[in-house]
Each structure stands twice: as C-alpha cells, then as structure tokens.
Amino acid sequence: MIKEPNILLSYINTKLRDFYKSIDDLCEDLDLSKDEIDQILISIGYIYDESSNQYKLKIT
C-alpha cells in the first residue's frame, strides 16, 4: 500500500470517483485495509465522506 499520505489521498479518491461506489467496495476489491487508509489520511486531516464517496478535509 502507498504510505505517502498525499499520494494515497489522490490515488484513493481517483479510484473512488472512477470505479467504486464506496470505500468498502474498493477495499474489498483491492484487498486493502480501510482502517489503515483511514489512519494514514487522518494524519493529514482527511476523513471519508460517505455522501460524496471521497476523502475530504475534516472541518472542525
């Protein structure tokens, strides 16, 4: 799995936009851990937004 957060963010959001209806579908198909993706992307302030099916900057 890609460990560099900004590259991972771009990769995951592109895959979600172009090929998958949810993060769960993506993780199942590519055999990835949603928890690991979340952990990496939370470290740069991004969380998964189910309604838009993408990782977005967390607004506090």
N, C-alpha and C. Protein backbone atom coordinates (compact mmCIF):
# COMPACT_ATOMS: atom_id res chain seq x y z
N MET A 1 0.85 -1.18 0.00
CA MET A 1 0.00 0.00 0.00
C MET A 1 0.89 1.24 0.00
N ILE A 2 0.40 2.28 -0.62
CA ILE A 2 1.09 3.57 -0.66
C ILE A 2 1.08 4.16 0.75
N LYS A 3 2.23 4.55 1.24
CA LYS A 3 2.32 5.08 2.61
C LYS A 3 2.40 6.61 2.65
N GLU A 4 2.75 7.25 1.54
CA GLU A 4 2.84 8.72 1.50
C GLU A 4 1.42 9.27 1.45
N PRO A 5 0.99 10.00 2.49
CA PRO A 5 -0.41 10.39 2.62
C PRO A 5 -1.00 11.15 1.43
N ASN A 6 -0.27 12.10 0.88
CA ASN A 6 -0.85 12.89 -0.22
C ASN A 6 -1.01 12.08 -1.50
N ILE A 7 -0.10 11.19 -1.76
CA ILE A 7 -0.23 10.31 -2.92
C ILE A 7 -1.36 9.32 -2.70
N LEU A 8 -1.46 8.76 -1.50
CA LEU A 8 -2.55 7.85 -1.17
C LEU A 8 -3.90 8.54 -1.33
N LEU A 9 -4.02 9.77 -0.85
CA LEU A 9 -5.26 10.53 -0.96
C LEU A 9 -5.67 10.66 -2.43
N SER A 10 -4.75 11.05 -3.26
CA SER A 10 -5.05 11.22 -4.68
C SER A 10 -5.44 9.89 -5.32
N TYR A 11 -4.71 8.85 -5.02
CA TYR A 11 -4.97 7.52 -5.58
C TYR A 11 -6.36 7.01 -5.17
N ILE A 12 -6.65 7.07 -3.88
CA ILE A 12 -7.91 6.54 -3.36
C ILE A 12 -9.10 7.35 -3.90
N ASN A 13 -9.01 8.68 -3.87
CA ASN A 13 -10.12 9.49 -4.36
C ASN A 13 -10.35 9.30 -5.86
N THR A 14 -9.29 9.10 -6.62
CA THR A 14 -9.45 8.83 -8.05
C THR A 14 -10.15 7.49 -8.27
N LYS A 15 -9.71 6.48 -7.55
CA LYS A 15 -10.34 5.16 -7.67
C LYS A 15 -11.82 5.23 -7.26
N LEU A 16 -12.10 5.94 -6.17
CA LEU A 16 -13.49 6.07 -5.72
C LEU A 16 -14.34 6.79 -6.76
N ARG A 17 -13.81 7.83 -7.33
CA ARG A 17 -14.56 8.61 -8.33
C ARG A 17 -14.81 7.79 -9.59
N ASP A 18 -13.80 7.06 -10.05
CA ASP A 18 -13.89 6.42 -11.36
C ASP A 18 -14.41 4.99 -11.36
N PHE A 19 -14.26 4.27 -10.23
CA PHE A 19 -14.54 2.83 -10.29
C PHE A 19 -15.39 2.25 -9.16
N TYR A 20 -15.51 2.91 -8.02
CA TYR A 20 -16.15 2.28 -6.86
C TYR A 20 -17.25 3.14 -6.27
N LYS A 21 -18.28 2.47 -5.79
CA LYS A 21 -19.42 3.17 -5.17
C LYS A 21 -19.21 3.45 -3.69
N SER A 22 -18.19 2.81 -3.09
CA SER A 22 -17.91 3.04 -1.68
C SER A 22 -16.49 2.63 -1.35
N ILE A 23 -16.00 3.11 -0.22
CA ILE A 23 -14.67 2.73 0.25
C ILE A 23 -14.63 1.24 0.58
N ASP A 24 -15.74 0.71 1.04
CA ASP A 24 -15.79 -0.73 1.36
C ASP A 24 -15.63 -1.57 0.09
N ASP A 25 -16.28 -1.16 -1.00
CA ASP A 25 -16.13 -1.87 -2.27
C ASP A 25 -14.69 -1.82 -2.75
N LEU A 26 -14.07 -0.66 -2.67
CA LEU A 26 -12.68 -0.50 -3.08
C LEU A 26 -11.77 -1.40 -2.27
N CYS A 27 -11.92 -1.36 -0.95
CA CYS A 27 -11.06 -2.16 -0.07
C CYS A 27 -11.23 -3.65 -0.31
N GLU A 28 -12.46 -4.08 -0.50
CA GLU A 28 -12.71 -5.49 -0.75
C GLU A 28 -12.08 -5.92 -2.08
N ASP A 29 -12.28 -5.14 -3.11
CA ASP A 29 -11.78 -5.49 -4.44
C ASP A 29 -10.26 -5.47 -4.51
N LEU A 30 -9.63 -4.49 -3.86
CA LEU A 30 -8.17 -4.35 -3.92
C LEU A 30 -7.45 -4.97 -2.73
N ASP A 31 -8.21 -5.61 -1.85
CA ASP A 31 -7.66 -6.26 -0.65
C ASP A 31 -6.84 -5.27 0.18
N LEU A 32 -7.47 -4.13 0.49
CA LEU A 32 -6.84 -3.09 1.30
C LEU A 32 -7.58 -2.98 2.63
N SER A 33 -6.90 -2.41 3.61
CA SER A 33 -7.49 -2.20 4.93
C SER A 33 -8.03 -0.78 5.04
N LYS A 34 -9.35 -0.67 5.24
CA LYS A 34 -9.95 0.65 5.41
C LYS A 34 -9.37 1.34 6.64
N ASP A 35 -9.14 0.58 7.70
CA ASP A 35 -8.57 1.16 8.92
C ASP A 35 -7.20 1.76 8.67
N GLU A 36 -6.38 1.08 7.87
CA GLU A 36 -5.05 1.59 7.57
C GLU A 36 -5.12 2.84 6.69
N ILE A 37 -6.02 2.83 5.71
CA ILE A 37 -6.21 4.01 4.87
C ILE A 37 -6.67 5.18 5.73
N ASP A 38 -7.68 4.94 6.56
CA ASP A 38 -8.19 6.00 7.45
C ASP A 38 -7.08 6.56 8.34
N GLN A 39 -6.29 5.69 8.92
CA GLN A 39 -5.23 6.12 9.82
C GLN A 39 -4.23 7.04 9.10
N ILE A 40 -3.84 6.67 7.90
CA ILE A 40 -2.88 7.47 7.14
C ILE A 40 -3.50 8.81 6.75
N LEU A 41 -4.73 8.79 6.27
CA LEU A 41 -5.34 10.03 5.80
C LEU A 41 -5.79 10.94 6.93
N ILE A 42 -6.17 10.39 8.05
CA ILE A 42 -6.50 11.21 9.22
C ILE A 42 -5.26 11.98 9.68
N SER A 43 -4.08 11.39 9.48
CA SER A 43 -2.84 12.06 9.90
C SER A 43 -2.61 13.37 9.15
N ILE A 44 -3.24 13.54 7.98
CA ILE A 44 -3.12 14.81 7.26
C ILE A 44 -4.46 15.56 7.23
N GLY A 45 -5.39 15.12 8.09
CA GLY A 45 -6.63 15.86 8.28
C GLY A 45 -7.80 15.49 7.38
N TYR A 46 -7.75 14.32 6.74
CA TYR A 46 -8.82 13.90 5.83
C TYR A 46 -9.63 12.76 6.43
N ILE A 47 -10.95 12.81 6.20
CA ILE A 47 -11.85 11.75 6.62
C ILE A 47 -12.74 11.36 5.44
N TYR A 48 -13.22 10.13 5.49
CA TYR A 48 -14.10 9.65 4.42
C TYR A 48 -15.49 10.23 4.58
N ASP A 49 -16.00 10.81 3.49
CA ASP A 49 -17.36 11.36 3.46
C ASP A 49 -18.21 10.43 2.59
N GLU A 50 -19.08 9.69 3.24
CA GLU A 50 -19.89 8.70 2.55
C GLU A 50 -20.81 9.33 1.50
N SER A 51 -21.36 10.50 1.80
CA SER A 51 -22.32 11.11 0.87
C SER A 51 -21.69 11.51 -0.46
N SER A 52 -20.42 11.88 -0.44
CA SER A 52 -19.75 12.24 -1.69
C SER A 52 -18.80 11.15 -2.17
N ASN A 53 -18.64 10.09 -1.38
CA ASN A 53 -17.77 8.97 -1.70
C ASN A 53 -16.34 9.43 -1.99
N GLN A 54 -15.82 10.24 -1.08
CA GLN A 54 -14.43 10.68 -1.21
C GLN A 54 -13.89 11.10 0.15
N TYR A 55 -12.58 11.16 0.22
CA TYR A 55 -11.95 11.68 1.43
C TYR A 55 -11.88 13.19 1.29
N LYS A 56 -12.34 13.87 2.34
CA LYS A 56 -12.37 15.32 2.35
C LYS A 56 -11.66 15.84 3.59
N LEU A 57 -11.19 17.06 3.47
CA LEU A 57 -10.55 17.72 4.60
C LEU A 57 -11.55 17.85 5.75
N LYS A 58 -11.14 17.40 6.91
CA LYS A 58 -12.01 17.45 8.08
C LYS A 58 -12.16 18.91 8.53
N ILE A 59 -13.40 19.35 8.62
CA ILE A 59 -13.69 20.71 9.06
C ILE A 59 -14.06 20.66 10.54
N THR A 60 -13.31 21.42 11.32
CA THR A 60 -13.58 21.41 12.77
C THR A 60 -14.25 22.66 13.23
